[in-house]
């Protein structure tokens, strides 16, 4: 996990996917891949690549059959 998060280094797609994970995590405790694809309107492979990046950066963590939020240094309002 990256120790010094730089949210500005994330792509627009990564931020869009992160926001979908965050929204679903607040509502149901986690986000499954299919739900992220539907929520973002992106192709599954693009969501997979983005989730991989977010996991590598520590923003998202694997959780059960889906994903949850990792440690972050910025606030979200949901």
N, C-alpha and C. Protein backbone atom coordinates (compact mmCIF):
# COMPACT_ATOMS: atom_id res chain seq x y z
N UNK A 1 0.85 -1.18 0.00
CA UNK A 1 0.00 0.00 0.00
C UNK A 1 0.88 1.23 0.00
N UNK A 2 0.54 2.21 -0.80
CA UNK A 2 1.28 3.46 -0.86
C UNK A 2 1.07 4.23 0.44
N UNK A 3 2.14 4.77 0.96
CA UNK A 3 2.04 5.51 2.22
C UNK A 3 1.64 6.97 1.97
N UNK A 4 2.17 7.56 0.93
CA UNK A 4 1.87 8.94 0.61
C UNK A 4 0.91 8.98 -0.56
N UNK A 5 -0.37 9.05 -0.26
CA UNK A 5 -1.37 9.08 -1.31
C UNK A 5 -1.33 10.43 -2.01
N UNK A 6 -1.45 10.40 -3.31
CA UNK A 6 -1.54 11.62 -4.10
C UNK A 6 -2.76 11.50 -4.98
N UNK A 7 -3.89 11.97 -4.48
CA UNK A 7 -5.14 11.82 -5.21
C UNK A 7 -5.06 12.52 -6.56
N UNK A 8 -4.21 13.51 -6.70
CA UNK A 8 -4.07 14.21 -7.97
C UNK A 8 -3.39 13.34 -9.02
N UNK A 9 -2.74 12.27 -8.60
CA UNK A 9 -2.08 11.37 -9.55
C UNK A 9 -3.06 10.37 -10.15
N UNK A 10 -4.27 10.29 -9.61
CA UNK A 10 -5.27 9.37 -10.14
C UNK A 10 -5.91 9.95 -11.40
N UNK A 11 -6.27 9.05 -12.32
CA UNK A 11 -6.95 9.48 -13.54
C UNK A 11 -8.41 9.80 -13.23
N UNK A 12 -9.07 10.44 -14.18
CA UNK A 12 -10.50 10.73 -14.02
C UNK A 12 -11.29 9.43 -13.87
N UNK A 13 -10.90 8.39 -14.61
CA UNK A 13 -11.58 7.10 -14.51
C UNK A 13 -11.38 6.53 -13.11
N UNK A 14 -10.15 6.59 -12.58
CA UNK A 14 -9.89 6.07 -11.24
C UNK A 14 -10.73 6.80 -10.20
N UNK A 15 -10.83 8.09 -10.32
CA UNK A 15 -11.63 8.87 -9.36
C UNK A 15 -13.10 8.50 -9.49
N UNK A 16 -13.58 8.33 -10.71
CA UNK A 16 -14.98 7.93 -10.95
C UNK A 16 -15.26 6.57 -10.31
N UNK A 17 -14.36 5.62 -10.50
CA UNK A 17 -14.53 4.29 -9.91
C UNK A 17 -14.43 4.37 -8.40
N UNK A 18 -13.48 5.13 -7.88
CA UNK A 18 -13.34 5.28 -6.43
C UNK A 18 -14.64 5.84 -5.82
N UNK A 19 -15.20 6.85 -6.47
CA UNK A 19 -16.44 7.43 -5.96
C UNK A 19 -17.57 6.41 -5.96
N UNK A 20 -17.60 5.55 -6.98
CA UNK A 20 -18.63 4.49 -7.02
C UNK A 20 -18.41 3.50 -5.87
N UNK A 21 -17.16 3.12 -5.63
CA UNK A 21 -16.86 2.23 -4.50
C UNK A 21 -17.30 2.89 -3.20
N UNK A 22 -16.93 4.15 -3.02
CA UNK A 22 -17.26 4.87 -1.78
C UNK A 22 -18.76 4.94 -1.57
N UNK A 23 -19.49 5.27 -2.62
CA UNK A 23 -20.94 5.38 -2.52
C UNK A 23 -21.57 4.05 -2.12
N UNK A 24 -21.14 2.98 -2.77
CA UNK A 24 -21.69 1.66 -2.48
C UNK A 24 -21.24 1.15 -1.12
N UNK A 25 -20.03 1.50 -0.71
CA UNK A 25 -19.54 1.08 0.60
C UNK A 25 -20.37 1.72 1.70
N UNK A 26 -20.74 2.97 1.51
CA UNK A 26 -21.58 3.66 2.49
C UNK A 26 -22.96 3.03 2.54
N UNK A 27 -23.51 2.69 1.38
CA UNK A 27 -24.86 2.13 1.32
C UNK A 27 -24.94 0.69 1.77
N UNK A 28 -23.96 -0.14 1.34
CA UNK A 28 -24.09 -1.57 1.60
C UNK A 28 -22.85 -2.22 2.22
N UNK A 29 -21.84 -1.44 2.53
CA UNK A 29 -20.65 -1.99 3.16
C UNK A 29 -19.58 -2.47 2.20
N UNK A 30 -19.87 -2.48 0.91
CA UNK A 30 -18.89 -2.92 -0.07
C UNK A 30 -19.45 -2.81 -1.47
N UNK A 31 -18.58 -3.00 -2.45
CA UNK A 31 -18.98 -2.86 -3.84
C UNK A 31 -18.48 -4.06 -4.64
N UNK A 32 -19.37 -4.72 -5.35
CA UNK A 32 -18.98 -5.82 -6.22
C UNK A 32 -18.71 -5.28 -7.62
N UNK A 33 -17.90 -6.00 -8.38
CA UNK A 33 -17.48 -5.56 -9.70
C UNK A 33 -18.66 -5.23 -10.60
N UNK A 34 -19.65 -6.11 -10.69
CA UNK A 34 -20.80 -5.87 -11.55
C UNK A 34 -21.53 -4.59 -11.19
N UNK A 35 -21.66 -4.33 -9.90
CA UNK A 35 -22.33 -3.11 -9.45
C UNK A 35 -21.51 -1.88 -9.83
N UNK A 36 -20.18 -2.00 -9.78
CA UNK A 36 -19.33 -0.87 -10.18
C UNK A 36 -19.46 -0.60 -11.67
N UNK A 37 -19.54 -1.65 -12.46
CA UNK A 37 -19.70 -1.49 -13.91
C UNK A 37 -21.01 -0.76 -14.19
N UNK A 38 -22.07 -1.18 -13.53
CA UNK A 38 -23.37 -0.52 -13.74
C UNK A 38 -23.36 0.92 -13.24
N UNK A 39 -22.76 1.15 -12.09
CA UNK A 39 -22.76 2.49 -11.50
C UNK A 39 -21.92 3.48 -12.31
N UNK A 40 -20.84 3.00 -12.89
CA UNK A 40 -19.95 3.91 -13.61
C UNK A 40 -20.29 4.04 -15.09
N UNK A 41 -20.95 3.02 -15.66
CA UNK A 41 -21.22 3.02 -17.08
C UNK A 41 -19.99 2.71 -17.92
N UNK A 42 -18.93 2.23 -17.28
CA UNK A 42 -17.69 1.89 -17.97
C UNK A 42 -17.68 0.41 -18.35
N UNK A 43 -16.80 0.05 -19.25
CA UNK A 43 -16.61 -1.35 -19.62
C UNK A 43 -15.98 -2.09 -18.43
N UNK A 44 -16.31 -3.37 -18.30
CA UNK A 44 -15.80 -4.15 -17.17
C UNK A 44 -14.27 -4.13 -17.11
N UNK A 45 -13.59 -4.28 -18.23
CA UNK A 45 -12.12 -4.30 -18.22
C UNK A 45 -11.55 -2.97 -17.73
N UNK A 46 -12.19 -1.87 -18.09
CA UNK A 46 -11.72 -0.56 -17.63
C UNK A 46 -11.90 -0.43 -16.12
N UNK A 47 -13.02 -0.94 -15.60
CA UNK A 47 -13.24 -0.91 -14.15
C UNK A 47 -12.22 -1.81 -13.46
N UNK A 48 -11.95 -2.98 -14.02
CA UNK A 48 -10.95 -3.89 -13.43
C UNK A 48 -9.58 -3.22 -13.35
N UNK A 49 -9.16 -2.57 -14.44
CA UNK A 49 -7.86 -1.88 -14.44
C UNK A 49 -7.83 -0.78 -13.38
N UNK A 50 -8.90 -0.03 -13.30
CA UNK A 50 -8.96 1.05 -12.34
C UNK A 50 -8.93 0.52 -10.90
N UNK A 51 -9.71 -0.51 -10.64
CA UNK A 51 -9.72 -1.10 -9.29
C UNK A 51 -8.32 -1.61 -8.93
N UNK A 52 -7.63 -2.21 -9.88
CA UNK A 52 -6.26 -2.68 -9.63
C UNK A 52 -5.37 -1.51 -9.24
N UNK A 53 -5.47 -0.41 -9.96
CA UNK A 53 -4.69 0.79 -9.62
C UNK A 53 -5.04 1.29 -8.24
N UNK A 54 -6.33 1.36 -7.95
CA UNK A 54 -6.78 1.84 -6.64
C UNK A 54 -6.32 0.94 -5.50
N UNK A 55 -6.29 -0.37 -5.74
CA UNK A 55 -5.78 -1.30 -4.73
C UNK A 55 -4.29 -1.09 -4.54
N UNK A 56 -3.55 -0.97 -5.64
CA UNK A 56 -2.10 -0.75 -5.56
C UNK A 56 -1.77 0.52 -4.79
N UNK A 57 -2.62 1.53 -4.92
CA UNK A 57 -2.39 2.80 -4.24
C UNK A 57 -2.95 2.82 -2.82
N UNK A 58 -3.71 1.78 -2.46
CA UNK A 58 -4.25 1.67 -1.11
C UNK A 58 -5.58 2.36 -0.90
N UNK A 59 -6.18 2.91 -1.95
CA UNK A 59 -7.46 3.59 -1.81
C UNK A 59 -8.63 2.62 -1.68
N UNK A 60 -8.48 1.44 -2.27
CA UNK A 60 -9.51 0.41 -2.26
C UNK A 60 -8.87 -0.89 -1.77
N UNK A 61 -9.63 -1.68 -1.03
CA UNK A 61 -9.12 -2.97 -0.55
C UNK A 61 -10.09 -4.07 -0.93
N UNK A 62 -9.55 -5.26 -1.24
CA UNK A 62 -10.44 -6.40 -1.47
C UNK A 62 -11.23 -6.68 -0.20
N UNK A 63 -12.50 -7.01 -0.37
CA UNK A 63 -13.36 -7.24 0.79
C UNK A 63 -14.41 -8.27 0.40
N UNK A 64 -14.30 -9.46 0.91
CA UNK A 64 -15.25 -10.50 0.55
C UNK A 64 -15.23 -10.74 -0.94
N UNK A 65 -16.40 -10.66 -1.58
CA UNK A 65 -16.51 -10.84 -3.02
C UNK A 65 -16.36 -9.52 -3.78
N UNK A 66 -16.08 -8.45 -3.07
CA UNK A 66 -16.00 -7.15 -3.70
C UNK A 66 -14.87 -6.31 -3.17
N UNK A 67 -15.18 -5.03 -2.97
CA UNK A 67 -14.16 -4.06 -2.59
C UNK A 67 -14.72 -3.09 -1.56
N UNK A 68 -13.83 -2.63 -0.71
CA UNK A 68 -14.18 -1.61 0.28
C UNK A 68 -13.17 -0.50 0.21
N UNK A 69 -13.36 0.49 1.03
CA UNK A 69 -12.45 1.63 1.06
C UNK A 69 -11.22 1.32 1.88
N UNK A 70 -10.08 1.74 1.37
CA UNK A 70 -8.84 1.66 2.11
C UNK A 70 -8.62 2.97 2.84
N UNK A 71 -7.46 3.09 3.42
CA UNK A 71 -7.10 4.33 4.10
C UNK A 71 -7.00 5.45 3.07
N UNK A 72 -7.45 6.63 3.46
CA UNK A 72 -7.32 7.76 2.55
C UNK A 72 -7.09 9.04 3.36
N UNK A 73 -6.57 10.04 2.68
CA UNK A 73 -6.20 11.27 3.35
C UNK A 73 -7.05 12.45 2.90
N UNK A 74 -8.19 12.16 2.31
CA UNK A 74 -9.08 13.22 1.86
C UNK A 74 -10.49 12.87 2.27
N UNK A 75 -11.34 13.85 2.36
CA UNK A 75 -12.71 13.63 2.82
C UNK A 75 -13.68 13.39 1.69
N UNK A 76 -14.75 12.69 2.02
CA UNK A 76 -15.86 12.45 1.09
C UNK A 76 -17.15 12.83 1.77
N UNK A 77 -18.05 13.41 1.02
CA UNK A 77 -19.37 13.72 1.55
C UNK A 77 -20.40 12.87 0.85
N UNK A 78 -21.03 11.94 1.58
CA UNK A 78 -22.09 11.08 1.03
C UNK A 78 -23.22 11.02 2.02
